[in-house]
Amino acid sequence: MNIYDTINQLAAELKETPEYKDLQASYEKLSQNEEAFKLFKDVNDIQKDLQAKQMSGQELTQEDMTKANELGQQMEKTEEIVDLMSKEQSMQQLFQDINGAVSKSMDELYHDLNN
């Protein structure tokens, strides 16, 4: 079996996990609340803008930081977003577990460096 076939199989199987299904349901619930979904999109947009500024060497302004903080505070008060973030953390834990299992082969290769 080709390693990429295995990766594609893993990607398909991830979509069948409880973590993914919970995340999907949470996202669908968020998208049904127009106000919460707009806030979520606004936060995503400002994060992209701030990252682009930083990567291009621009300094972030006080206005940038204030806007990001205000949106962050609003997010923390929005149940649908808080729930989505919790579900994202569960998926991230699953990804970390997978990465650990995959990385184990390299750890085993270099095991004698740790002795």
Protein backbone atom coordinates (compact mmCIF):
# COMPACT_ATOMS: atom_id res chain seq x y z
CA MET A 1 0.00 0.00 0.00
CA ASN A 2 1.20 3.49 -0.88
CA ILE A 3 1.77 5.81 2.11
CA TYR A 4 -0.51 8.40 0.48
CA ASP A 5 -3.30 5.85 0.26
CA THR A 6 -2.89 5.36 4.00
CA ILE A 7 -3.01 9.12 4.57
CA ASN A 8 -6.17 9.43 2.48
CA GLN A 9 -7.72 6.55 4.40
CA LEU A 10 -6.84 8.25 7.69
CA ALA A 11 -8.40 11.50 6.48
CA ALA A 12 -11.60 9.66 5.58
CA GLU A 13 -11.65 7.84 8.92
CA LEU A 14 -11.12 11.09 10.83
CA LYS A 15 -14.46 12.28 9.46
CA GLU A 16 -16.10 9.30 11.17
CA THR A 17 -14.70 10.04 14.63
CA PRO A 18 -16.91 11.39 17.42
CA GLU A 19 -14.59 14.40 17.69
CA TYR A 20 -15.09 15.35 14.04
CA LYS A 21 -18.83 14.75 14.14
CA ASP A 22 -19.12 16.87 17.29
CA LEU A 23 -17.11 19.65 15.65
CA GLN A 24 -19.26 19.46 12.52
CA ALA A 25 -22.48 19.65 14.55
CA SER A 26 -21.12 22.58 16.55
CA TYR A 27 -20.16 24.44 13.37
CA GLU A 28 -23.60 23.84 11.89
CA LYS A 29 -25.21 25.18 15.06
CA LEU A 30 -22.97 28.25 14.95
CA SER A 31 -23.77 28.90 11.29
CA GLN A 32 -27.49 28.95 12.10
CA ASN A 33 -27.03 31.90 14.47
CA GLU A 34 -26.44 34.85 12.13
CA GLU A 35 -25.04 37.17 14.78
CA ALA A 36 -22.67 34.57 16.25
CA PHE A 37 -21.55 33.42 12.80
CA LYS A 38 -20.83 37.01 11.71
CA LEU A 39 -18.74 37.50 14.85
CA PHE A 40 -16.89 34.26 14.13
CA LYS A 41 -16.17 35.40 10.55
CA ASP A 42 -15.09 38.86 11.75
CA VAL A 43 -12.63 37.32 14.20
CA ASN A 44 -11.29 35.02 11.50
CA ASP A 45 -10.86 37.98 9.14
CA ILE A 46 -9.04 40.12 11.69
CA GLN A 47 -6.76 37.22 12.62
CA LYS A 48 -5.82 36.82 8.95
CA ASP A 49 -5.23 40.57 8.62
CA LEU A 50 -3.04 40.72 11.74
CA GLN A 51 -1.04 37.70 10.63
CA ALA A 52 -0.52 39.21 7.16
CA LYS A 53 0.69 42.46 8.72
CA GLN A 54 3.11 40.64 10.99
CA MET A 55 4.45 38.48 8.15
CA SER A 56 5.05 41.56 6.00
CA GLY A 57 6.93 43.25 8.83
CA GLN A 58 4.27 45.83 9.65
CA GLU A 59 3.75 46.77 13.25
CA LEU A 60 0.36 46.15 14.74
CA THR A 61 -1.38 49.35 15.76
CA GLN A 62 -3.13 49.98 19.04
CA GLU A 63 -6.36 50.08 17.03
CA ASP A 64 -5.63 46.60 15.65
CA MET A 65 -5.02 45.24 19.13
CA THR A 66 -8.08 46.94 20.62
CA LYS A 67 -10.34 45.59 17.89
CA ALA A 68 -8.94 42.07 18.25
CA ASN A 69 -9.36 42.19 22.03
CA GLU A 70 -12.93 43.47 21.79
CA LEU A 71 -13.88 40.73 19.34
CA GLY A 72 -12.16 38.15 21.54
CA GLN A 73 -14.18 39.26 24.54
CA GLN A 74 -17.39 39.05 22.52
CA MET A 75 -16.44 35.54 21.41
CA GLU A 76 -15.97 34.41 25.00
CA LYS A 77 -19.56 35.46 25.71
CA THR A 78 -21.03 33.67 22.70
CA GLU A 79 -22.11 30.15 23.60
CA GLU A 80 -21.96 28.76 20.06
CA ILE A 81 -18.38 29.98 19.56
CA VAL A 82 -17.24 28.74 22.97
CA ASP A 83 -18.71 25.34 22.13
CA LEU A 84 -17.01 25.28 18.73
CA MET A 85 -13.66 26.18 20.28
CA SER A 86 -14.06 23.34 22.77
CA LYS A 87 -14.75 20.91 19.94
CA GLU A 88 -11.74 22.26 18.04
CA GLN A 89 -9.57 21.51 21.07
CA SER A 90 -10.79 17.92 21.04
CA MET A 91 -9.83 17.61 17.37
CA GLN A 92 -6.45 19.19 18.07
CA GLN A 93 -5.84 16.58 20.77
CA LEU A 94 -6.67 13.86 18.27
CA PHE A 95 -4.23 15.41 15.76
CA GLN A 96 -1.54 15.54 18.45
CA ASP A 97 -2.11 11.87 19.24
CA ILE A 98 -1.83 10.99 15.55
CA ASN A 99 1.28 13.11 15.14
CA GLY A 100 2.84 11.43 18.17
CA ALA A 101 2.15 7.99 16.76
CA VAL A 102 3.56 8.95 13.35
CA SER A 103 6.61 10.66 14.86
CA LYS A 104 7.37 7.63 16.99
CA SER A 105 9.19 5.99 14.07
CA MET A 106 11.70 8.86 13.96
CA ASP A 107 12.04 8.82 17.74
CA GLU A 108 12.85 5.12 17.54
CA LEU A 109 15.38 5.75 14.78
CA TYR A 110 17.27 8.25 16.92
CA HIS A 111 16.73 6.50 20.25
CA ASP A 112 20.43 5.93 20.85
CA LEU A 113 21.02 9.71 20.96
CA ASN A 114 19.00 9.86 24.15
CA ASN A 115 21.05 7.21 25.97
